[in-house]
N, C-alpha and C. Protein backbone atom coordinates (compact mmCIF):
# COMPACT_ATOMS: atom_id res chain seq x y z
N MET A 1 -15.68 -15.62 -8.02
CA MET A 1 -16.52 -16.08 -7.06
C MET A 1 -17.41 -14.89 -7.24
N THR A 2 -18.71 -15.28 -7.38
CA THR A 2 -19.72 -14.50 -7.29
C THR A 2 -20.34 -13.76 -5.76
N ILE A 3 -21.31 -13.12 -5.85
CA ILE A 3 -21.66 -12.42 -4.83
C ILE A 3 -22.95 -13.35 -4.12
N PRO A 4 -23.29 -14.25 -4.47
CA PRO A 4 -24.07 -15.12 -4.36
C PRO A 4 -23.54 -16.27 -3.61
N MET A 5 -22.22 -16.86 -4.25
CA MET A 5 -21.34 -17.58 -3.89
C MET A 5 -20.74 -16.86 -2.57
N ILE A 6 -20.55 -16.30 -2.19
CA ILE A 6 -19.95 -15.30 -0.90
C ILE A 6 -20.66 -15.77 0.35
N VAL A 7 -22.23 -15.00 -0.30
CA VAL A 7 -23.23 -15.11 0.73
C VAL A 7 -23.33 -16.34 1.43
N GLN A 8 -23.54 -17.08 0.46
CA GLN A 8 -24.01 -18.79 0.70
C GLN A 8 -22.75 -19.74 1.67
N ALA A 9 -21.82 -18.79 1.49
CA ALA A 9 -20.46 -19.61 2.05
C ALA A 9 -20.68 -19.49 3.61
N GLY A 10 -21.60 -18.45 3.92
CA GLY A 10 -21.78 -18.21 5.97
C GLY A 10 -21.38 -16.93 5.55
N GLY A 11 -20.40 -16.46 4.99
CA GLY A 11 -20.20 -14.48 5.13
C GLY A 11 -18.81 -14.63 5.52
N THR A 12 -17.96 -16.01 5.71
CA THR A 12 -16.57 -16.20 6.40
C THR A 12 -15.91 -15.54 5.17
N VAL A 13 -16.22 -15.67 3.93
CA VAL A 13 -15.10 -14.70 2.89
C VAL A 13 -15.35 -13.12 2.91
N ILE A 14 -16.15 -12.51 3.20
CA ILE A 14 -16.31 -11.01 3.47
C ILE A 14 -15.47 -10.39 3.78
N PRO A 15 -15.35 -10.95 5.51
CA PRO A 15 -13.96 -9.88 6.42
C PRO A 15 -12.71 -10.05 5.21
N SER A 16 -12.19 -11.33 5.28
CA SER A 16 -11.26 -10.98 4.37
C SER A 16 -11.14 -10.52 3.27
N ILE A 17 -12.44 -10.24 2.42
CA ILE A 17 -12.10 -9.26 1.37
C ILE A 17 -12.31 -8.03 1.76
N ILE A 18 -13.05 -7.74 2.79
CA ILE A 18 -12.47 -6.52 3.39
C ILE A 18 -11.45 -5.90 4.00
N GLY A 19 -10.66 -6.87 4.77
CA GLY A 19 -9.64 -6.91 4.93
C GLY A 19 -8.52 -6.59 4.12
N ALA A 20 -8.58 -6.75 3.20
CA ALA A 20 -7.83 -6.74 1.88
C ALA A 20 -7.44 -5.94 1.55
N GLY A 21 -8.98 -5.15 0.90
CA GLY A 21 -9.01 -3.90 0.32
C GLY A 21 -8.89 -2.71 1.30
N LEU A 22 -8.62 -2.77 2.99
CA LEU A 22 -8.62 -1.82 3.69
C LEU A 22 -6.81 -2.34 3.62
N ALA A 23 -5.84 -2.80 3.34
CA ALA A 23 -4.90 -3.27 3.26
C ALA A 23 -4.21 -2.47 1.96
N VAL A 24 -4.87 -2.33 1.19
CA VAL A 24 -4.44 -2.14 -0.43
C VAL A 24 -4.92 0.08 -0.25
N ILE A 25 -5.92 -0.37 0.52
CA ILE A 25 -6.13 1.66 0.66
C ILE A 25 -4.83 1.70 1.37
N GLY A 26 -4.60 1.38 2.55
CA GLY A 26 -3.55 1.82 3.38
C GLY A 26 -2.13 1.74 3.19
N ALA A 27 -2.25 0.59 2.33
CA ALA A 27 -0.27 0.64 1.46
C ALA A 27 -0.67 2.04 0.10
N GLY A 28 -1.69 1.98 -0.51
CA GLY A 28 -1.60 3.24 -1.28
C GLY A 28 -1.39 4.25 -0.98
N ILE A 29 -2.19 4.96 0.20
CA ILE A 29 -1.91 6.56 0.92
C ILE A 29 -0.27 6.40 1.39
N GLY A 30 0.21 5.16 2.30
CA GLY A 30 1.26 5.21 2.54
C GLY A 30 2.02 5.74 1.19
N ILE A 31 2.27 5.00 -0.10
CA ILE A 31 3.19 4.79 -0.61
C ILE A 31 3.30 6.36 -1.35
N GLY A 32 1.88 6.93 -1.52
CA GLY A 32 1.27 8.21 -1.71
C GLY A 32 1.72 9.45 -1.07
N MET A 33 2.06 9.49 0.18
CA MET A 33 2.75 10.08 1.28
C MET A 33 4.13 10.10 1.00
N ILE A 34 4.75 9.06 0.75
CA ILE A 34 6.18 9.07 0.61
C ILE A 34 6.42 10.26 -0.42
N GLY A 35 5.70 9.72 -2.20
CA GLY A 35 5.95 9.97 -2.81
C GLY A 35 5.85 11.87 -3.07
N GLY A 36 4.67 12.58 -2.68
CA GLY A 36 5.02 13.77 -2.27
C GLY A 36 5.87 14.21 -1.42
N LYS A 37 5.85 13.89 -0.18
CA LYS A 37 6.53 14.19 0.71
C LYS A 37 8.25 14.06 0.13
N ALA A 38 9.04 13.15 -0.83
CA ALA A 38 9.67 13.24 -1.79
C ALA A 38 9.84 14.14 -2.82
N MET A 39 8.84 14.55 -3.52
CA MET A 39 8.88 16.04 -4.42
C MET A 39 8.99 16.80 -3.66
N GLU A 40 8.13 17.25 -2.39
CA GLU A 40 8.68 18.62 -1.68
C GLU A 40 10.11 18.16 -1.26
N ALA A 41 10.44 17.36 -0.68
CA ALA A 41 12.06 17.71 -0.29
C ALA A 41 12.83 17.62 -1.68
N ILE A 42 13.03 16.95 -2.96
CA ILE A 42 13.52 17.22 -4.17
C ILE A 42 13.23 19.07 -4.59
N ALA A 43 11.85 19.68 -4.35
CA ALA A 43 12.18 20.82 -4.81
C ALA A 43 12.65 21.64 -3.28
N ARG A 44 12.87 21.81 -2.50
CA ARG A 44 13.45 21.97 -1.02
C ARG A 44 15.13 22.03 -1.60
N GLN A 45 15.39 21.26 -2.25
CA GLN A 45 17.04 21.07 -2.16
C GLN A 45 17.32 19.76 -3.31
N PRO A 46 17.57 19.95 -4.30
CA PRO A 46 17.57 19.44 -5.93
C PRO A 46 18.68 18.86 -5.78
N GLU A 47 19.88 19.29 -5.42
CA GLU A 47 21.24 18.75 -5.24
C GLU A 47 21.23 17.64 -4.40
N ALA A 48 20.10 17.10 -3.44
CA ALA A 48 19.92 15.84 -2.73
C ALA A 48 19.38 14.76 -3.31
N TYR A 49 18.84 15.00 -4.61
CA TYR A 49 17.66 14.28 -5.38
C TYR A 49 18.04 12.61 -5.48
N GLY A 50 19.56 12.05 -5.73
CA GLY A 50 19.65 10.97 -5.99
C GLY A 50 19.58 10.25 -4.42
N LYS A 51 19.97 10.85 -3.26
CA LYS A 51 19.46 10.05 -1.80
C LYS A 51 18.22 10.06 -1.49
N ILE A 52 17.44 11.09 -2.13
CA ILE A 52 16.43 11.30 -1.94
C ILE A 52 15.16 10.13 -2.55
N GLN A 53 15.69 9.80 -3.66
CA GLN A 53 15.09 8.93 -4.45
C GLN A 53 15.52 7.63 -4.34
N THR A 54 16.14 7.44 -3.66
CA THR A 54 16.39 6.69 -3.30
C THR A 54 15.97 5.77 -1.62
N ALA A 55 15.69 6.75 -0.82
CA ALA A 55 15.63 6.56 0.33
C ALA A 55 13.46 6.06 -0.34
N MET A 56 13.04 6.86 -0.89
CA MET A 56 11.48 7.10 -1.40
C MET A 56 11.55 5.52 -1.89
N LEU A 57 12.38 5.33 -3.02
CA LEU A 57 12.25 3.45 -3.60
C LEU A 57 12.18 2.77 -2.76
N ILE A 58 13.14 2.60 -1.23
CA ILE A 58 13.62 1.54 -0.39
C ILE A 58 12.10 1.55 0.63
N ALA A 59 11.46 2.74 1.08
CA ALA A 59 10.49 3.07 1.88
C ALA A 59 9.52 2.16 1.29
N ALA A 60 8.85 3.39 -0.27
CA ALA A 60 7.79 2.43 -1.20
C ALA A 60 7.58 1.05 -0.90
N ALA A 61 8.82 0.53 -1.60
CA ALA A 61 9.04 -1.16 -1.62
C ALA A 61 8.45 -1.60 -0.20
N LEU A 62 9.06 -1.32 0.92
CA LEU A 62 8.48 -1.81 2.31
C LEU A 62 7.55 -1.87 2.24
N ILE A 63 6.44 -0.78 2.06
CA ILE A 63 5.25 -0.52 2.35
C ILE A 63 4.66 -1.77 1.42
N GLU A 64 5.05 -1.79 0.33
CA GLU A 64 4.47 -2.38 -1.06
C GLU A 64 4.59 -4.18 -0.27
N GLY A 65 5.58 -4.38 -0.04
CA GLY A 65 6.29 -5.61 0.92
C GLY A 65 4.94 -5.89 1.97
N ILE A 66 4.53 -5.16 3.10
CA ILE A 66 3.83 -5.28 4.11
C ILE A 66 2.08 -5.25 3.14
N GLY A 67 1.66 -4.59 2.35
CA GLY A 67 0.74 -4.70 2.37
C GLY A 67 0.24 -6.35 1.31
N PHE A 68 1.05 -6.77 0.30
CA PHE A 68 0.85 -7.57 0.00
C PHE A 68 1.47 -8.98 1.29
N ALA A 69 2.23 -8.97 1.96
CA ALA A 69 2.03 -9.77 2.93
C ALA A 69 0.39 -9.90 4.07
N ALA A 70 -0.09 -8.15 4.11
CA ALA A 70 -1.29 -8.29 4.44
C ALA A 70 -2.81 -9.14 3.72
N ILE A 71 -2.36 -8.72 2.34
CA ILE A 71 -3.44 -9.36 1.37
C ILE A 71 -3.50 -10.75 1.61
N PHE A 72 -2.20 -11.34 1.14
CA PHE A 72 -1.87 -13.27 1.79
C PHE A 72 -2.44 -13.84 2.90
N ALA A 73 -1.91 -12.88 3.85
CA ALA A 73 -2.24 -13.21 5.53
C ALA A 73 -3.81 -13.39 5.28
N GLY A 74 -4.39 -12.52 4.94
CA GLY A 74 -5.85 -12.83 4.95
C GLY A 74 -6.71 -13.70 3.98
């Protein structure tokens, strides 16, 4: 879809595009924060690597799932 087609459609597509972009940005920020905090935790307590990695992957998957749901709902 090109920009002139979006404008001709009465502007109804533009809010969904903006919403999808915000959902992607929010999910990216959330996953980045989880990864950073996990690296800090592993640096402080290297023997807990397995538990930290498992929790990080589960949380990242849940955030990514919410991001996909927000994109498809819009």
